[in-house]
């Protein structure tokens, strides 16, 4: 390989792209980069010059797609960090015009919908190899080690693997805890990388989509705990921050719990009030939680806690309506009379049980989707790569990995002995917490939906028998019988001879 040629071409130097380039450079790769905004190219070269402790240029700027390809060793390896949707195809078309070859690889690292990745692999077949790698971890993760979920052509993976495993977050193989070095030029090179081949094209972005769905649920559950501490205990944001810090040292150890404590402790520079009280209570979303809920409905997987987290963001956006409703609609007359210390202990257990159910729903969804699409997802490996670098990284992901290592045929995390025992030991507090919230009129829909999921899943008999009778009555949809062969359908003529049919007014 010529010393003047680069190992990797990189397109898109926004927040994520810029930090991925610097991560690649820290790990010994020479990068040729391009962005439609030349100031971003100039900025990253300047940053690299400040951080580079060697006498060799690590990042080379380019002014066109043609120049970019000319700077790369063949066969070319290019990474895209551009917004999902049309911009991905825009870049791909320009690369084709610039002379990209059939054995070159283009890796999409954006937040693409997984079905778009499937379509692109087919669309660009014969022109180049389209590969996708979902990235989680935000700006800091991209810079110092993200969680990566690659999928696509197996041959391409053999070329890509050394790159992605180098830049991925690392964990201690014995403890499962992250190995962190947030120092430019000093990447972590030991430990297990949080990158594993997920499967055929689209599978990686699907797994990342579910990761984000779990993230929605996890965040909403923490927010509900915060709300209960404020409204039932009368705690200030600073006091809740201290509670969260204590919880983060135990079963609830996670990145989201850690940053929630920091957000609550922050004081607004302008007013001197807690910053959280200055932030409008209207939540935004970029669509991945919605995609997860839609996919769950399509494959028939019960992910009500994830779906509720999406709905919670939706109702938060109705700020003006909620302000009117607060004046017009009454709440319960009863007040919380529980001891604060007792309620806080119960709430910790309730949050833990709810989180277990949210993760169980996410893994169940991936399992059902894998069966539908013919993927062979390795759930122990997926849990492992989420132990560091990603937003939902948490201490109990090691226990999830262990559950799937112990039983490859595990159909639901709730059936793993460890998690079954955890919920059995903590469910009384979980139920009492939700009861207290309901009696006081404080919404805790995600916690409630998690408990309903648990109670429904453990019920040998559900009222769907009546539902099937209703469907057969008005639509002749048929039903199965408990005393007959499974799969055989039956229909009842519900109107008796000599009696008028029941007519339903519409």
Protein backbone atom coordinates (compact mmCIF):
# COMPACT_ATOMS: atom_id res chain seq x y z
CA UNK A 1 0.00 0.00 0.00
CA UNK A 2 1.37 3.43 -0.91
CA UNK A 3 2.22 5.50 2.13
CA UNK A 4 0.35 8.41 0.57
CA UNK A 5 -2.95 6.52 0.29
CA UNK A 6 -5.55 6.47 3.06
CA UNK A 7 -7.14 3.44 4.69
CA UNK A 8 -10.69 4.78 4.88
CA UNK A 9 -12.79 7.41 3.16
CA UNK A 10 -15.26 9.28 5.37
CA UNK A 11 -18.24 11.34 4.21
CA UNK A 12 -20.22 13.57 6.57
CA UNK A 13 -18.50 15.56 9.30
CA UNK A 14 -21.35 16.55 11.57
CA UNK A 15 -21.13 15.89 15.30
CA UNK A 16 -21.13 12.08 14.99
CA UNK A 17 -19.01 11.97 11.84
CA UNK A 18 -16.32 14.28 13.17
CA UNK A 19 -15.94 12.25 16.34
CA UNK A 20 -15.89 8.91 14.50
CA UNK A 21 -13.07 10.23 12.29
CA UNK A 22 -11.01 11.24 15.31
CA UNK A 23 -11.71 7.86 16.91
CA UNK A 24 -10.50 6.10 13.75
CA UNK A 25 -7.38 8.26 13.68
CA UNK A 26 -6.60 7.49 17.33
CA UNK A 27 -6.75 3.80 16.46
CA UNK A 28 -4.15 4.05 13.72
CA UNK A 29 -6.21 4.53 10.56
CA UNK A 30 -5.44 7.21 8.01
CA UNK A 31 -8.63 8.95 6.91
CA UNK A 32 -9.57 10.87 3.78
CA UNK A 33 -12.66 12.94 4.57
CA UNK A 34 -15.23 14.99 2.68
CA UNK A 35 -18.24 17.11 3.51
CA UNK A 36 -20.35 19.40 1.37
CA UNK A 37 -19.54 22.07 3.95
CA UNK A 38 -15.82 22.76 3.43
CA UNK A 39 -15.58 24.55 6.79
CA UNK A 40 -16.24 21.21 8.50
CA UNK A 41 -13.38 19.62 6.56
CA UNK A 42 -11.06 22.46 7.57
CA UNK A 43 -12.22 22.24 11.20
CA UNK A 44 -11.52 18.53 11.61
CA UNK A 45 -8.05 18.87 10.07
CA UNK A 46 -7.33 21.67 12.53
CA UNK A 47 -8.61 19.55 15.45
CA UNK A 48 -6.52 16.59 14.35
CA UNK A 49 -3.42 18.75 14.10
CA UNK A 50 -4.01 19.89 17.69
CA UNK A 51 -4.51 16.33 18.97
CA UNK A 52 -2.06 14.44 16.75
CA UNK A 53 1.04 13.46 18.70
CA UNK A 54 2.80 11.88 15.70
CA UNK A 55 4.69 13.39 12.80
CA UNK A 56 2.35 11.82 10.22
CA UNK A 57 -0.89 13.31 8.96
CA UNK A 58 -3.83 11.21 10.13
CA UNK A 59 -6.68 13.09 8.44
CA UNK A 60 -6.62 14.32 4.84
CA UNK A 61 -9.24 16.74 3.52
CA UNK A 62 -10.90 16.37 0.12
CA UNK A 63 -12.97 18.78 -1.97
CA UNK A 64 -14.91 16.29 -4.11
CA UNK A 65 -16.07 12.68 -4.25
CA UNK A 66 -13.59 12.04 -7.08
CA UNK A 67 -10.68 13.34 -5.05
CA UNK A 68 -11.84 11.27 -2.09
CA UNK A 69 -11.73 8.03 -4.09
CA UNK A 70 -8.32 8.94 -5.52
CA UNK A 71 -6.89 9.21 -2.00
CA UNK A 72 -7.94 5.66 -1.01
CA UNK A 73 -6.19 2.33 -1.29
CA UNK A 74 -8.17 -0.15 -3.39
CA UNK A 75 -10.52 -1.83 -2.82
CA UNK A 76 -12.08 1.25 -1.29
CA UNK A 77 -13.69 1.34 2.14
CA UNK A 78 -15.97 4.32 2.75
CA UNK A 79 -17.99 5.29 5.80
CA UNK A 80 -21.04 7.56 5.64
CA UNK A 81 -22.27 9.65 8.53
CA UNK A 82 -25.13 11.58 6.94
CA UNK A 83 -28.81 12.02 7.90
CA UNK A 84 -31.03 9.01 7.26
CA UNK A 85 -33.19 8.93 4.15
CA UNK A 86 -32.53 10.74 0.87
CA UNK A 87 -29.06 12.06 1.84
CA UNK A 88 -27.73 8.48 1.93
CA UNK A 89 -28.85 7.86 -1.65
CA UNK A 90 -27.57 11.29 -2.69
CA UNK A 91 -24.07 10.34 -1.57
CA UNK A 92 -24.29 6.87 -3.12
CA UNK A 93 -25.24 8.31 -6.51
CA UNK A 94 -22.34 10.76 -6.40
CA UNK A 95 -19.94 7.95 -5.55
CA UNK A 96 -21.18 6.00 -8.57
CA UNK A 97 -20.60 9.05 -10.77
CA UNK A 98 -17.11 9.42 -9.26
CA UNK A 99 -16.15 5.89 -10.28
CA UNK A 100 -16.72 3.64 -7.28
CA UNK A 101 -16.12 -0.05 -8.10
CA UNK A 102 -18.15 -3.22 -7.51
CA UNK A 103 -15.85 -4.56 -4.77
CA UNK A 104 -15.74 -1.27 -2.88
CA UNK A 105 -17.66 -1.11 0.41
CA UNK A 106 -19.91 1.74 1.57
CA UNK A 107 -20.92 1.64 5.24
CA UNK A 108 -23.98 3.60 6.38
CA UNK A 109 -23.63 4.60 10.05
CA UNK A 110 -26.72 6.81 10.19
CA UNK A 111 -30.00 6.16 11.99
CA UNK A 112 -31.58 4.56 8.92
CA UNK A 113 -34.80 2.61 8.96
CA UNK A 114 -33.77 -1.02 8.61
CA UNK A 115 -35.99 -1.66 5.59
CA UNK A 116 -34.21 1.18 3.75
CA UNK A 117 -30.92 -0.65 4.24
CA UNK A 118 -32.39 -3.83 2.78
CA UNK A 119 -33.63 -1.90 -0.26
CA UNK A 120 -30.27 -0.17 -0.74
CA UNK A 121 -28.28 -3.40 -0.74
CA UNK A 122 -30.41 -4.61 -3.65
CA UNK A 123 -30.44 -1.22 -5.37
CA UNK A 124 -26.65 -0.85 -5.46
CA UNK A 125 -25.77 -4.49 -6.10
CA UNK A 126 -23.12 -4.71 -8.80
CA UNK A 127 -22.13 -1.07 -8.32
CA UNK A 128 -20.62 -1.43 -4.85
CA UNK A 129 -21.26 -3.37 -1.62
CA UNK A 130 -23.73 -1.53 0.61
CA UNK A 131 -23.24 -2.35 4.30
CA UNK A 132 -24.83 -0.85 7.41
CA UNK A 133 -23.52 -0.28 10.89
CA UNK A 134 -25.82 1.17 13.51
CA UNK A 135 -24.01 3.37 16.04
CA UNK A 136 -25.07 4.12 19.60
CA UNK A 137 -23.43 6.26 22.22
CA UNK A 138 -23.92 9.84 21.12
CA UNK A 139 -21.10 12.31 20.66
CA UNK A 140 -18.85 10.96 23.42
CA UNK A 141 -19.41 7.36 22.34
CA UNK A 142 -18.48 8.16 18.76
CA UNK A 143 -15.29 9.85 19.91
CA UNK A 144 -14.03 7.34 22.46
CA UNK A 145 -15.92 4.10 21.78
CA UNK A 146 -19.50 3.49 20.61
CA UNK A 147 -21.60 0.34 20.61
CA UNK A 148 -21.77 -0.90 17.01
CA UNK A 149 -24.36 -3.15 15.37
CA UNK A 150 -23.07 -4.07 11.88
CA UNK A 151 -25.01 -6.09 9.32
CA UNK A 152 -24.69 -6.94 5.66
CA UNK A 153 -22.60 -9.03 3.30
CA UNK A 154 -20.50 -11.58 5.30
CA UNK A 155 -17.51 -11.08 2.98
CA UNK A 156 -17.63 -7.34 3.59
CA UNK A 157 -17.66 -7.99 7.33
CA UNK A 158 -14.28 -9.76 7.11
CA UNK A 159 -12.81 -6.51 5.77
CA UNK A 160 -14.73 -4.24 8.12
CA UNK A 161 -14.35 -6.17 11.38
CA UNK A 162 -10.80 -4.97 12.26
CA UNK A 163 -11.91 -1.36 11.84
CA UNK A 164 -15.09 -1.55 13.90
CA UNK A 165 -13.70 -3.68 16.71
CA UNK A 166 -10.83 -1.20 17.03
CA UNK A 167 -13.02 1.88 17.47
CA UNK A 168 -15.80 0.23 19.52
CA UNK A 169 -16.23 0.63 23.26
CA UNK A 170 -14.49 -2.04 25.35
CA UNK A 171 -15.58 -3.90 28.49
CA UNK A 172 -13.76 -5.97 31.05
CA UNK A 173 -14.57 -9.60 30.08
CA UNK A 174 -14.74 -10.71 33.72
CA UNK A 175 -16.87 -7.95 35.24
CA UNK A 176 -18.68 -6.68 32.16
CA UNK A 177 -17.90 -3.12 33.22
CA UNK A 178 -16.82 -0.47 30.68
CA UNK A 179 -13.14 0.26 30.18
CA UNK A 180 -12.99 4.01 29.66
CA UNK A 181 -10.32 6.42 28.43
CA UNK A 182 -11.80 9.74 27.35
CA UNK A 183 -8.37 11.09 26.43
CA UNK A 184 -7.60 11.91 22.78
CA UNK A 185 -4.81 9.75 21.41
CA UNK A 186 -5.12 7.14 24.17
CA UNK A 187 -7.78 4.66 22.99
CA UNK A 188 -8.65 1.56 24.99
CA UNK A 189 -7.10 -1.42 23.22
CA UNK A 190 -7.85 -4.22 25.70
CA UNK A 191 -11.08 -5.90 26.70
CA UNK A 192 -14.05 -7.16 24.69
CA UNK A 193 -15.19 -4.83 21.89
CA UNK A 194 -18.82 -3.73 21.83
CA UNK A 195 -19.19 -4.66 18.16
CA UNK A 196 -20.43 -7.96 16.77
CA UNK A 197 -21.77 -9.07 13.41
CA UNK A 198 -25.57 -9.05 13.73
CA UNK A 199 -26.58 -10.72 10.46
CA UNK A 200 -27.91 -9.92 6.98
CA UNK A 201 -28.39 -6.33 5.85
CA UNK A 202 -30.98 -4.50 7.94
CA UNK A 203 -30.61 -6.73 11.00
CA UNK A 204 -28.15 -4.35 12.66
CA UNK A 205 -30.33 -1.31 12.21
CA UNK A 206 -33.32 -3.32 13.44
CA UNK A 207 -31.45 -4.23 16.63
CA UNK A 208 -30.43 -0.58 17.03
CA UNK A 209 -34.07 0.43 16.52
CA UNK A 210 -35.12 -1.89 19.37
CA UNK A 211 -32.23 -0.54 21.47
CA UNK A 212 -33.74 2.92 21.01
CA UNK A 213 -37.20 1.62 21.86
CA UNK A 214 -35.84 0.24 25.14
CA UNK A 215 -34.10 3.57 25.62
CA UNK A 216 -37.46 5.37 25.30
CA UNK A 217 -38.95 3.08 27.95
CA UNK A 218 -35.98 3.36 30.28
CA UNK A 219 -35.99 7.16 30.12
CA UNK A 220 -39.74 7.37 30.70
CA UNK A 221 -39.55 5.02 33.68
CA UNK A 222 -36.86 7.19 35.27
CA UNK A 223 -38.98 10.28 34.59
CA UNK A 224 -41.96 8.67 36.30
CA UNK A 225 -39.81 7.87 39.33
CA UNK A 226 -38.68 11.50 39.39
CA UNK A 227 -42.30 12.68 39.15
CA UNK A 228 -43.40 10.44 42.01
CA UNK A 229 -40.56 11.65 44.21
CA UNK A 230 -41.59 15.25 43.57
CA UNK A 231 -45.34 14.85 43.94
CA UNK A 232 -45.62 12.14 46.60
CA UNK A 233 -42.53 12.91 48.67
CA UNK A 234 -42.28 16.64 48.01
CA UNK A 235 -38.60 16.31 47.13
CA UNK A 236 -36.62 19.01 45.33
CA UNK A 237 -34.62 18.19 42.19
CA UNK A 238 -31.43 18.29 44.26
CA UNK A 239 -32.83 15.79 46.76
CA UNK A 240 -33.97 13.52 43.92
CA UNK A 241 -30.50 13.77 42.41
CA UNK A 242 -29.06 12.38 45.63
CA UNK A 243 -31.60 9.53 45.59
CA UNK A 244 -30.70 8.69 42.00
CA UNK A 245 -26.98 8.74 42.82
CA UNK A 246 -27.60 6.24 45.60
CA UNK A 247 -29.70 4.04 43.34
CA UNK A 248 -26.98 4.17 40.69
CA UNK A 249 -24.67 2.40 43.11
CA UNK A 250 -26.95 -0.62 43.29
CA UNK A 251 -29.31 -2.62 41.09
CA UNK A 252 -30.22 0.41 38.99
CA UNK A 253 -26.67 1.21 37.93
CA UNK A 254 -26.83 2.64 34.41
CA UNK A 255 -25.71 5.50 32.21
CA UNK A 256 -29.25 6.93 32.12
CA UNK A 257 -29.54 6.91 35.90
CA UNK A 258 -26.14 8.60 36.16
CA UNK A 259 -26.95 11.43 33.77
CA UNK A 260 -30.44 11.88 35.26
CA UNK A 261 -28.82 12.60 38.61
CA UNK A 262 -26.53 15.14 36.97
CA UNK A 263 -29.39 16.86 35.12
CA UNK A 264 -31.37 17.21 38.36
CA UNK A 265 -28.39 18.65 40.22
CA UNK A 266 -27.75 21.36 37.63
CA UNK A 267 -28.58 24.94 38.66
CA UNK A 268 -29.71 27.45 36.02
CA UNK A 269 -27.14 30.23 35.61
CA UNK A 270 -29.79 32.86 34.82
CA UNK A 271 -32.33 32.25 37.59
CA UNK A 272 -30.48 30.27 40.24
CA UNK A 273 -33.32 27.76 40.14
CA UNK A 274 -32.94 24.06 39.30
CA UNK A 275 -32.38 23.95 35.54
CA UNK A 276 -34.90 21.12 35.15
CA UNK A 277 -37.63 23.52 36.33
CA UNK A 278 -36.68 25.95 33.56
CA UNK A 279 -36.97 23.30 30.83
CA UNK A 280 -40.32 23.06 29.05
CA UNK A 281 -42.04 19.72 29.68
CA UNK A 282 -42.52 18.93 25.96
CA UNK A 283 -40.50 15.95 24.78
CA UNK A 284 -39.15 15.52 21.27
CA UNK A 285 -38.44 12.34 19.35
CA UNK A 286 -36.63 11.33 16.17
CA UNK A 287 -38.80 8.36 15.26
CA UNK A 288 -36.91 5.24 16.34
CA UNK A 289 -39.19 4.64 19.32
CA UNK A 290 -42.17 5.01 17.01
CA UNK A 291 -40.59 2.59 14.51
CA UNK A 292 -40.14 0.07 17.34
CA UNK A 293 -43.78 0.33 18.41
CA UNK A 294 -45.00 0.02 14.81
CA UNK A 295 -42.80 -3.01 14.18
CA UNK A 296 -44.05 -4.62 17.37
CA UNK A 297 -47.63 -4.21 16.18
CA UNK A 298 -46.72 -5.65 12.79
CA UNK A 299 -45.13 -8.82 14.17
CA UNK A 300 -47.60 -9.13 17.06
CA UNK A 301 -45.08 -8.66 19.86
CA UNK A 302 -46.37 -7.09 23.12
CA UNK A 303 -44.17 -4.07 23.82
CA UNK A 304 -46.64 -1.95 25.73
CA UNK A 305 -44.03 -0.28 27.94
CA UNK A 306 -42.08 0.90 24.90
CA UNK A 307 -45.28 1.99 23.16
CA UNK A 308 -46.43 3.89 26.24
CA UNK A 309 -43.11 5.73 26.37
CA UNK A 310 -43.80 6.94 22.83
CA UNK A 311 -47.33 7.99 23.80
CA UNK A 312 -45.96 9.78 26.87
CA UNK A 313 -43.87 11.98 24.60
CA UNK A 314 -46.92 12.58 22.44
CA UNK A 315 -49.11 13.73 25.33
CA UNK A 316 -46.27 15.90 26.65
CA UNK A 317 -46.41 17.84 23.38
CA UNK A 318 -50.00 18.88 24.16
CA UNK A 319 -48.80 21.49 26.64
CA UNK A 320 -51.54 24.07 26.04
CA UNK A 321 -54.28 21.45 26.25
CA UNK A 322 -52.83 20.03 29.45
CA UNK A 323 -52.79 23.46 31.02
CA UNK A 324 -56.50 23.85 30.23
CA UNK A 325 -57.26 20.36 31.49
CA UNK A 326 -55.41 21.05 34.73
CA UNK A 327 -57.95 23.82 35.42
CA UNK A 328 -61.02 21.93 34.23
CA UNK A 329 -60.49 18.34 35.39
CA UNK A 330 -60.36 17.25 39.02
CA UNK A 331 -58.05 14.67 40.53
CA UNK A 332 -58.47 12.37 43.54
CA UNK A 333 -59.13 13.78 46.98
CA UNK A 334 -56.84 11.32 48.74
CA UNK A 335 -53.26 12.29 49.52
CA UNK A 336 -50.16 10.22 50.02
CA UNK A 337 -49.67 9.38 53.67
CA UNK A 338 -46.87 6.84 53.26
CA UNK A 339 -43.52 7.32 54.94
CA UNK A 340 -41.08 8.88 52.46
CA UNK A 341 -38.26 6.48 53.26
CA UNK A 342 -40.58 3.52 52.77
CA UNK A 343 -41.92 4.92 49.50
CA UNK A 344 -38.42 5.59 48.15
CA UNK A 345 -37.33 2.03 48.87
CA UNK A 346 -40.46 0.68 47.19
CA UNK A 347 -39.98 2.99 44.21
CA UNK A 348 -36.43 1.72 43.68
CA UNK A 349 -37.75 -1.84 43.49
CA UNK A 350 -40.63 -0.79 41.25
CA UNK A 351 -38.27 0.91 38.82
CA UNK A 352 -36.01 -2.15 38.76
CA UNK A 353 -38.89 -4.54 38.00
CA UNK A 354 -40.24 -2.22 35.33
CA UNK A 355 -36.85 -1.99 33.64
CA UNK A 356 -36.56 -5.78 33.57
CA UNK A 357 -39.92 -5.96 31.78
CA UNK A 358 -38.95 -3.24 29.30
CA UNK A 359 -35.81 -5.14 28.34
CA UNK A 360 -37.75 -8.41 28.22
CA UNK A 361 -40.18 -6.81 25.77
CA UNK A 362 -37.33 -5.56 23.59
CA UNK A 363 -35.60 -8.94 23.40
CA UNK A 364 -38.94 -10.68 22.79
CA UNK A 365 -39.58 -8.32 19.88
CA UNK A 366 -36.16 -9.05 18.38
CA UNK A 367 -36.81 -12.78 18.75
CA UNK A 368 -40.17 -12.59 16.96
CA UNK A 369 -38.78 -10.35 14.22
CA UNK A 370 -35.82 -12.70 13.72
CA UNK A 371 -38.18 -15.61 13.17
CA UNK A 372 -40.22 -13.60 10.69
CA UNK A 373 -37.23 -12.37 8.68
CA UNK A 374 -35.03 -15.46 8.92
CA UNK A 375 -32.29 -13.86 11.03
CA UNK A 376 -30.12 -15.78 13.49
CA UNK A 377 -29.75 -13.18 16.23
CA UNK A 378 -27.33 -13.99 19.06
CA UNK A 379 -28.97 -12.37 22.06
CA UNK A 380 -26.08 -12.98 24.44
CA UNK A 381 -23.78 -11.11 22.04
CA UNK A 382 -26.30 -8.30 21.62
CA UNK A 383 -26.54 -7.88 25.39
CA UNK A 384 -22.74 -7.85 25.57
CA UNK A 385 -22.28 -5.07 23.03
CA UNK A 386 -24.78 -2.95 24.96
CA UNK A 387 -22.70 -3.11 28.15
CA UNK A 388 -20.65 -0.07 27.11
CA UNK A 389 -20.72 2.69 24.52
CA UNK A 390 -24.50 2.87 24.13
CA UNK A 391 -27.21 4.89 25.83
CA UNK A 392 -28.90 1.96 27.62
CA UNK A 393 -25.67 0.56 29.04
CA UNK A 394 -26.43 -0.78 32.49
CA UNK A 395 -25.01 -3.13 35.06
CA UNK A 396 -27.70 -5.75 34.64
CA UNK A 397 -26.91 -6.26 30.93
CA UNK A 398 -24.24 -8.65 32.17
CA UNK A 399 -27.04 -10.66 33.80
CA UNK A 400 -29.01 -10.57 30.54
CA UNK A 401 -25.98 -11.89 28.65
CA UNK A 402 -25.54 -14.62 31.26
CA UNK A 403 -29.20 -15.60 30.91
CA UNK A 404 -28.84 -16.24 27.18
CA UNK A 405 -25.45 -17.93 27.61
CA UNK A 406 -26.99 -20.32 30.13
CA UNK A 407 -30.00 -21.04 27.93
CA UNK A 408 -29.73 -20.40 24.18
CA UNK A 409 -33.39 -21.36 23.79
CA UNK A 410 -34.65 -18.86 26.37
CA UNK A 411 -37.90 -17.45 24.96
CA UNK A 412 -38.32 -14.58 27.44
CA UNK A 413 -36.06 -12.98 30.03
CA UNK A 414 -38.83 -13.28 32.60
CA UNK A 415 -38.41 -17.07 32.46
CA UNK A 416 -34.73 -16.92 33.35
CA UNK A 417 -34.34 -18.05 37.00
CA UNK A 418 -32.36 -14.96 37.99
CA UNK A 419 -34.87 -12.45 36.63
CA UNK A 420 -37.86 -14.49 37.80
CA UNK A 421 -36.43 -14.37 41.32
CA UNK A 422 -35.69 -10.64 41.10
CA UNK A 423 -39.30 -9.81 40.24
CA UNK A 424 -40.67 -12.31 42.75
CA UNK A 425 -38.65 -10.66 45.51
CA UNK A 426 -39.57 -7.09 44.54
CA UNK A 427 -43.06 -7.22 43.08
CA UNK A 428 -44.95 -6.34 46.27
CA UNK A 429 -43.15 -3.00 46.41
CA UNK A 430 -43.77 -2.56 42.67
CA UNK A 431 -47.51 -3.04 43.14
CA UNK A 432 -47.69 -0.77 46.18
CA UNK A 433 -45.84 1.99 44.35
CA UNK A 434 -48.27 1.92 41.43
CA UNK A 435 -51.23 1.79 43.81
CA UNK A 436 -49.94 4.83 45.70
CA UNK A 437 -49.40 6.74 42.48
CA UNK A 438 -52.88 5.85 41.20
CA UNK A 439 -54.59 6.86 44.44
CA UNK A 440 -52.74 10.18 44.39
CA UNK A 441 -53.47 10.81 40.70
CA UNK A 442 -49.83 10.85 39.60
CA UNK A 443 -49.43 9.23 36.15
CA UNK A 444 -47.04 6.29 35.94
CA UNK A 445 -48.19 4.67 32.73
CA UNK A 446 -44.92 3.00 31.81
CA UNK A 447 -44.54 1.38 35.23
CA UNK A 448 -48.18 0.30 35.10
CA UNK A 449 -47.83 -1.10 31.59
CA UNK A 450 -44.74 -3.03 32.66
CA UNK A 451 -46.66 -4.58 35.55
CA UNK A 452 -49.59 -5.37 33.27
CA UNK A 453 -47.19 -7.04 30.86
CA UNK A 454 -45.81 -9.16 33.69
CA UNK A 455 -49.27 -10.10 35.00
CA UNK A 456 -50.55 -10.90 31.50
CA UNK A 457 -47.51 -13.00 30.65
CA UNK A 458 -47.84 -15.07 33.81
CA UNK A 459 -51.57 -15.67 33.29
CA UNK A 460 -52.37 -19.15 31.98
CA UNK A 461 -55.87 -17.95 31.08
CA UNK A 462 -56.74 -14.50 29.70
CA UNK A 463 -60.17 -13.06 28.80
CA UNK A 464 -59.38 -13.39 25.10
CA UNK A 465 -61.79 -16.34 25.08
CA UNK A 466 -64.67 -13.86 25.47
CA UNK A 467 -63.06 -11.62 22.86
CA UNK A 468 -62.97 -14.51 20.37
CA UNK A 469 -66.63 -15.19 21.13
CA UNK A 470 -67.45 -11.57 20.42
CA UNK A 471 -65.55 -11.67 17.12
CA UNK A 472 -67.29 -14.85 16.06
CA UNK A 473 -70.69 -13.42 17.02
CA UNK A 474 -70.51 -10.26 14.90
CA UNK A 475 -68.09 -11.34 12.18
CA UNK A 476 -67.99 -15.15 12.03
CA UNK A 477 -64.22 -14.97 12.63
CA UNK A 478 -64.21 -18.48 14.21
CA UNK A 479 -62.33 -19.67 17.26
CA UNK A 480 -60.35 -22.65 18.55
CA UNK A 481 -61.55 -24.93 21.37
CA UNK A 482 -59.52 -25.90 24.42
CA UNK A 483 -60.83 -29.47 24.20
CA UNK A 484 -60.09 -30.03 20.51
CA UNK A 485 -57.07 -30.28 18.24
CA UNK A 486 -54.99 -27.08 18.13
CA UNK A 487 -55.42 -25.07 14.95
CA UNK A 488 -58.86 -26.38 14.11
CA UNK A 489 -61.45 -23.60 13.71
CA UNK A 490 -65.07 -23.54 14.90
CA UNK A 491 -68.03 -21.22 14.37
CA UNK A 492 -71.25 -20.91 16.34
CA UNK A 493 -74.64 -19.83 14.98
CA UNK A 494 -75.35 -17.47 17.84
CA UNK A 495 -78.96 -16.47 16.93
CA UNK A 496 -81.34 -19.28 18.05
CA UNK A 497 -84.10 -20.54 15.71
CA UNK A 498 -87.40 -18.76 16.27
CA UNK A 499 -85.73 -15.79 17.94
CA UNK A 500 -84.90 -12.52 16.23
CA UNK A 501 -81.25 -11.74 15.62
CA UNK A 502 -79.64 -9.29 17.97
CA UNK A 503 -79.11 -6.12 16.04
CA UNK A 504 -76.45 -3.67 17.04
CA UNK A 505 -77.18 -0.01 16.56
CA UNK A 506 -74.34 1.80 14.86
